[in-house]
Amino acid sequence: MSEIRFRLNGSEVSYAGSGADRLLEVLRNTYRCTSVKCGCKEGECGACSVLIDGVLINSCCVAMGAIEGSEVVTMEGFRETRRFEVLDKAFGELSAVQCGFCIPGMVLAAEALLSKNPHPTVDEIRQGLSGNLCRCTGYNAIVNAVELAAKEGEGLW
């Protein structure tokens, strides 16, 4: 297969490996996007979440050949945005981060949710985060942080 070209965090990149390689491993090993975590390799935990063309996707379930021409955003790219600043502040204020393993996926899930629904209810927030597992917080602080970010970030989403 020829090179696979895509945008990663706003930059044009190309990948010369196999189209069957997992996006998860390529992001971590080739592009050093270490915010993308390997939690299960089955699409169940959300630790490897990325945004592909604005949609939250588990990168462990995506073959490189499927991203030709796509825009891939990891936490490394998202953290450079104003939207991230609002989410980061809300997560910090409400102590929504404990070990931090799940947080990149949780923050990208919040971004995906707020991009579609800037004024979600608590139930909609819980649904939007439901593909991401956290073994530390019990979720309430994370849900509250997303709710606060939606209020504090009025007009950003």
C-alpha atoms as a PDB file:
ATOM      1  CA  MET A   1       0.000   0.000   0.000  1.00  0.00           C
ATOM      2  CA  SER A   2       1.226   3.507  -0.681  1.00  0.00           C
ATOM      3  CA  GLU A   3       1.522   6.069   2.076  1.00  0.00           C
ATOM      4  CA  ILE A   4      -1.581   6.825   4.091  1.00  0.00           C
ATOM      5  CA  ARG A   5      -2.066  10.570   4.299  1.00  0.00           C
ATOM      6  CA  PHE A   6      -4.140  12.264   6.986  1.00  0.00           C
ATOM      7  CA  ARG A   7      -4.154  15.305   9.259  1.00  0.00           C
ATOM      8  CA  LEU A   8      -2.992  14.752  12.809  1.00  0.00           C
ATOM      9  CA  ASN A   9      -3.679  17.558  15.253  1.00  0.00           C
ATOM     10  CA  GLY A  10      -3.771  20.075  12.421  1.00  0.00           C
ATOM     11  CA  SER A  11      -0.654  18.916  10.566  1.00  0.00           C
ATOM     12  CA  GLU A  12      -0.462  16.909   7.345  1.00  0.00           C
ATOM     13  CA  VAL A  13       1.250  13.580   7.980  1.00  0.00           C
ATOM     14  CA  SER A  14       1.771  10.331   6.112  1.00  0.00           C
ATOM     15  CA  TYR A  15       2.243   6.770   7.303  1.00  0.00           C
ATOM     16  CA  ALA A  16       4.219   4.270   5.242  1.00  0.00           C
ATOM     17  CA  GLY A  17       3.354   1.152   7.274  1.00  0.00           C
ATOM     18  CA  SER A  18       0.619  -1.375   6.739  1.00  0.00           C
ATOM     19  CA  GLY A  19      -2.965  -0.249   6.280  1.00  0.00           C
ATOM     20  CA  ALA A  20      -3.894  -3.024   8.720  1.00  0.00           C
ATOM     21  CA  ASP A  21      -1.884  -1.500  11.576  1.00  0.00           C
ATOM     22  CA  ARG A  22      -4.018  -0.198  14.450  1.00  0.00           C
ATOM     23  CA  LEU A  23      -4.355   3.552  14.711  1.00  0.00           C
ATOM     24  CA  LEU A  24      -3.765   3.235  18.474  1.00  0.00           C
ATOM     25  CA  GLU A  25      -0.256   1.820  18.100  1.00  0.00           C
ATOM     26  CA  VAL A  26       0.662   4.150  15.244  1.00  0.00           C
ATOM     27  CA  LEU A  27      -0.386   7.231  17.200  1.00  0.00           C
ATOM     28  CA  ARG A  28       1.623   6.159  20.247  1.00  0.00           C
ATOM     29  CA  ASN A  29       4.686   4.633  18.601  1.00  0.00           C
ATOM     30  CA  THR A  30       5.122   6.623  15.394  1.00  0.00           C
ATOM     31  CA  TYR A  31       3.691  10.018  16.321  1.00  0.00           C
ATOM     32  CA  ARG A  32       4.330   9.908  20.108  1.00  0.00           C
ATOM     33  CA  CYS A  33       0.755  10.785  21.013  1.00  0.00           C
ATOM     34  CA  THR A  34       0.956   9.226  24.453  1.00  0.00           C
ATOM     35  CA  SER A  35      -2.381  10.608  25.606  1.00  0.00           C
ATOM     36  CA  VAL A  36      -3.914   7.770  23.571  1.00  0.00           C
ATOM     37  CA  LYS A  37      -3.831   4.881  26.027  1.00  0.00           C
ATOM     38  CA  CYS A  38      -4.097   1.141  25.494  1.00  0.00           C
ATOM     39  CA  GLY A  39      -6.692  -0.088  27.956  1.00  0.00           C
ATOM     40  CA  CYS A  40      -8.427  -3.068  26.395  1.00  0.00           C
ATOM     41  CA  LYS A  41      -7.797  -3.286  22.594  1.00  0.00           C
ATOM     42  CA  GLU A  42     -11.494  -4.190  22.249  1.00  0.00           C
ATOM     43  CA  GLY A  43     -13.219  -0.795  22.049  1.00  0.00           C
ATOM     44  CA  GLU A  44     -14.756  -1.161  25.494  1.00  0.00           C
ATOM     45  CA  CYS A  45     -12.881   1.263  27.767  1.00  0.00           C
ATOM     46  CA  GLY A  46     -12.433   4.527  25.817  1.00  0.00           C
ATOM     47  CA  ALA A  47      -8.833   5.064  26.967  1.00  0.00           C
ATOM     48  CA  CYS A  48      -7.749   5.194  23.323  1.00  0.00           C
ATOM     49  CA  SER A  49     -10.435   7.683  22.252  1.00  0.00           C
ATOM     50  CA  VAL A  50      -9.620  10.155  19.501  1.00  0.00           C
ATOM     51  CA  LEU A  51     -11.709  12.416  17.321  1.00  0.00           C
ATOM     52  CA  ILE A  52     -11.793  11.362  13.677  1.00  0.00           C
ATOM     53  CA  ASP A  53     -13.472  13.986  11.536  1.00  0.00           C
ATOM     54  CA  GLY A  54     -15.110  15.275  14.714  1.00  0.00           C
ATOM     55  CA  VAL A  55     -16.515  11.905  15.809  1.00  0.00           C
ATOM     56  CA  LEU A  56     -15.350  10.160  18.985  1.00  0.00           C
ATOM     57  CA  ILE A  57     -13.754   6.844  17.986  1.00  0.00           C
ATOM     58  CA  ASN A  58     -11.843   4.130  19.838  1.00  0.00           C
ATOM     59  CA  SER A  59      -8.528   4.088  17.988  1.00  0.00           C
ATOM     60  CA  CYS A  60      -7.860   0.467  18.959  1.00  0.00           C
ATOM     61  CA  CYS A  61     -10.627  -0.549  16.552  1.00  0.00           C
ATOM     62  CA  VAL A  62      -9.456   1.485  13.557  1.00  0.00           C
ATOM     63  CA  ALA A  63      -7.096   0.227  10.863  1.00  0.00           C
ATOM     64  CA  MET A  64      -4.755   2.821   9.413  1.00  0.00           C
ATOM     65  CA  GLY A  65      -6.140   2.221   5.932  1.00  0.00           C
ATOM     66  CA  ALA A  66      -9.505   3.580   7.104  1.00  0.00           C
ATOM     67  CA  ILE A  67      -8.186   7.058   7.972  1.00  0.00           C
ATOM     68  CA  GLU A  68      -6.837   8.130   4.588  1.00  0.00           C
ATOM     69  CA  GLY A  69      -7.760  11.810   4.170  1.00  0.00           C
ATOM     70  CA  SER A  70      -9.251  12.104   7.656  1.00  0.00           C
ATOM     71  CA  GLU A  71      -8.625  14.622  10.434  1.00  0.00           C
ATOM     72  CA  VAL A  72      -7.444  12.898  13.622  1.00  0.00           C
ATOM     73  CA  VAL A  73      -7.345  14.866  16.876  1.00  0.00           C
ATOM     74  CA  THR A  74      -5.745  13.550  20.054  1.00  0.00           C
ATOM     75  CA  MET A  75      -5.384  15.312  23.380  1.00  0.00           C
ATOM     76  CA  GLU A  76      -2.009  16.604  22.163  1.00  0.00           C
ATOM     77  CA  GLY A  77      -3.840  18.700  19.577  1.00  0.00           C
ATOM     78  CA  PHE A  78      -7.014  19.432  21.503  1.00  0.00           C
ATOM     79  CA  ARG A  79      -5.131  20.819  24.493  1.00  0.00           C
ATOM     80  CA  GLU A  80      -4.102  23.787  22.345  1.00  0.00           C
ATOM     81  CA  THR A  81      -7.713  25.014  22.077  1.00  0.00           C
ATOM     82  CA  ARG A  82      -9.862  27.401  24.108  1.00  0.00           C
ATOM     83  CA  ARG A  83     -12.439  24.632  24.524  1.00  0.00           C
ATOM     84  CA  PHE A  84      -9.825  22.494  26.263  1.00  0.00           C
ATOM     85  CA  GLU A  85      -8.976  25.367  28.615  1.00  0.00           C
ATOM     86  CA  VAL A  86     -12.599  25.485  29.762  1.00  0.00           C
ATOM     87  CA  LEU A  87     -12.814  21.715  30.235  1.00  0.00           C
ATOM     88  CA  ASP A  88      -9.429  21.603  31.966  1.00  0.00           C
ATOM     89  CA  LYS A  89     -10.450  24.319  34.411  1.00  0.00           C
ATOM     90  CA  ALA A  90     -13.764  22.606  35.192  1.00  0.00           C
ATOM     91  CA  PHE A  91     -12.118  19.205  35.723  1.00  0.00           C
ATOM     92  CA  GLY A  92      -9.574  20.838  38.047  1.00  0.00           C
ATOM     93  CA  GLU A  93     -12.092  22.890  40.024  1.00  0.00           C
ATOM     94  CA  LEU A  94     -14.284  19.868  40.703  1.00  0.00           C
ATOM     95  CA  SER A  95     -11.437  17.406  41.352  1.00  0.00           C
ATOM     96  CA  ALA A  96     -12.608  15.225  38.486  1.00  0.00           C
ATOM     97  CA  VAL A  97      -9.130  13.783  37.924  1.00  0.00           C
ATOM     98  CA  GLN A  98      -7.636  11.140  40.154  1.00  0.00           C
ATOM     99  CA  CYS A  99      -5.158   8.768  38.476  1.00  0.00           C
ATOM    100  CA  GLY A 100      -5.596  10.488  35.095  1.00  0.00           C
ATOM    101  CA  PHE A 101      -5.532   7.364  32.904  1.00  0.00           C
ATOM    102  CA  CYS A 102      -9.046   7.860  31.534  1.00  0.00           C
ATOM    103  CA  ILE A 103      -9.009  11.654  31.396  1.00  0.00           C
ATOM    104  CA  PRO A 104      -7.822  12.199  27.807  1.00  0.00           C
ATOM    105  CA  GLY A 105     -10.653   9.959  26.589  1.00  0.00           C
ATOM    106  CA  MET A 106     -13.151  11.572  28.949  1.00  0.00           C
ATOM    107  CA  VAL A 107     -12.189  15.081  27.822  1.00  0.00           C
ATOM    108  CA  LEU A 108     -12.456  14.136  24.142  1.00  0.00           C
ATOM    109  CA  ALA A 109     -15.826  12.481  24.856  1.00  0.00           C
ATOM    110  CA  ALA A 110     -16.945  15.727  26.518  1.00  0.00           C
ATOM    111  CA  GLU A 111     -15.755  17.692  23.476  1.00  0.00           C
ATOM    112  CA  ALA A 112     -17.656  15.383  21.123  1.00  0.00           C
ATOM    113  CA  LEU A 113     -20.806  15.728  23.249  1.00  0.00           C
ATOM    114  CA  LEU A 114     -20.619  19.502  23.679  1.00  0.00           C
ATOM    115  CA  SER A 115     -19.918  19.980  19.960  1.00  0.00           C
ATOM    116  CA  LYS A 116     -23.257  18.342  19.196  1.00  0.00           C
ATOM    117  CA  ASN A 117     -25.162  19.491  22.273  1.00  0.00           C
ATOM    118  CA  PRO A 118     -23.778  22.591  24.006  1.00  0.00           C
ATOM    119  CA  HIS A 119     -26.458  22.448  26.740  1.00  0.00           C
ATOM    120  CA  PRO A 120     -26.707  18.784  27.754  1.00  0.00           C
ATOM    121  CA  THR A 121     -28.703  17.489  30.673  1.00  0.00           C
ATOM    122  CA  VAL A 122     -26.987  15.350  33.300  1.00  0.00           C
ATOM    123  CA  ASP A 123     -28.480  12.249  31.683  1.00  0.00           C
ATOM    124  CA  GLU A 124     -27.158  13.329  28.276  1.00  0.00           C
ATOM    125  CA  ILE A 125     -23.707  13.896  29.780  1.00  0.00           C
ATOM    126  CA  ARG A 126     -23.761  10.435  31.330  1.00  0.00           C
ATOM    127  CA  GLN A 127     -24.782   8.975  27.960  1.00  0.00           C
ATOM    128  CA  GLY A 128     -22.069  10.956  26.164  1.00  0.00           C
ATOM    129  CA  LEU A 129     -19.401   9.639  28.523  1.00  0.00           C
ATOM    130  CA  SER A 130     -20.775   6.096  28.666  1.00  0.00           C
ATOM    131  CA  GLY A 131     -18.139   4.621  26.350  1.00  0.00           C
ATOM    132  CA  ASN A 132     -15.344   5.665  28.697  1.00  0.00           C
ATOM    133  CA  LEU A 133     -14.516   3.718  31.837  1.00  0.00           C
ATOM    134  CA  CYS A 134     -13.054   5.259  34.975  1.00  0.00           C
ATOM    135  CA  ARG A 135     -11.941   3.096  37.842  1.00  0.00           C
ATOM    136  CA  CYS A 136     -11.262   5.940  40.291  1.00  0.00           C
ATOM    137  CA  THR A 137     -13.866   8.692  40.488  1.00  0.00           C
ATOM    138  CA  GLY A 138     -17.251   7.018  40.389  1.00  0.00           C
ATOM    139  CA  TYR A 139     -18.120   9.387  37.512  1.00  0.00           C
ATOM    140  CA  ASN A 140     -20.044  12.035  39.451  1.00  0.00           C
ATOM    141  CA  ALA A 141     -17.158  14.522  39.537  1.00  0.00           C
ATOM    142  CA  ILE A 142     -16.528  14.017  35.811  1.00  0.00           C
ATOM    143  CA  VAL A 143     -20.203  14.509  34.964  1.00  0.00           C
ATOM    144  CA  ASN A 144     -20.295  17.629  37.132  1.00  0.00           C
ATOM    145  CA  ALA A 145     -17.149  18.952  35.429  1.00  0.00           C
ATOM    146  CA  VAL A 146     -18.699  18.568  31.978  1.00  0.00           C
ATOM    147  CA  GLU A 147     -21.846  20.282  33.216  1.00  0.00           C
ATOM    148  CA  LEU A 148     -19.754  23.170  34.586  1.00  0.00           C
ATOM    149  CA  ALA A 149     -17.718  23.416  31.368  1.00  0.00           C
ATOM    150  CA  ALA A 150     -20.928  23.666  29.340  1.00  0.00           C
ATOM    151  CA  LYS A 151     -22.008  26.626  31.490  1.00  0.00           C
ATOM    152  CA  GLU A 152     -18.588  28.306  31.706  1.00  0.00           C
ATOM    153  CA  GLY A 153     -17.892  27.807  28.009  1.00  0.00           C
ATOM    154  CA  GLU A 154     -21.145  29.338  26.824  1.00  0.00           C
ATOM    155  CA  GLY A 155     -20.747  30.188  23.158  1.00  0.00           C
ATOM    156  CA  LEU A 156     -17.638  28.053  22.559  1.00  0.00           C
ATOM    157  CA  TRP A 157     -19.633  25.018  21.495  1.00  0.00           C
END
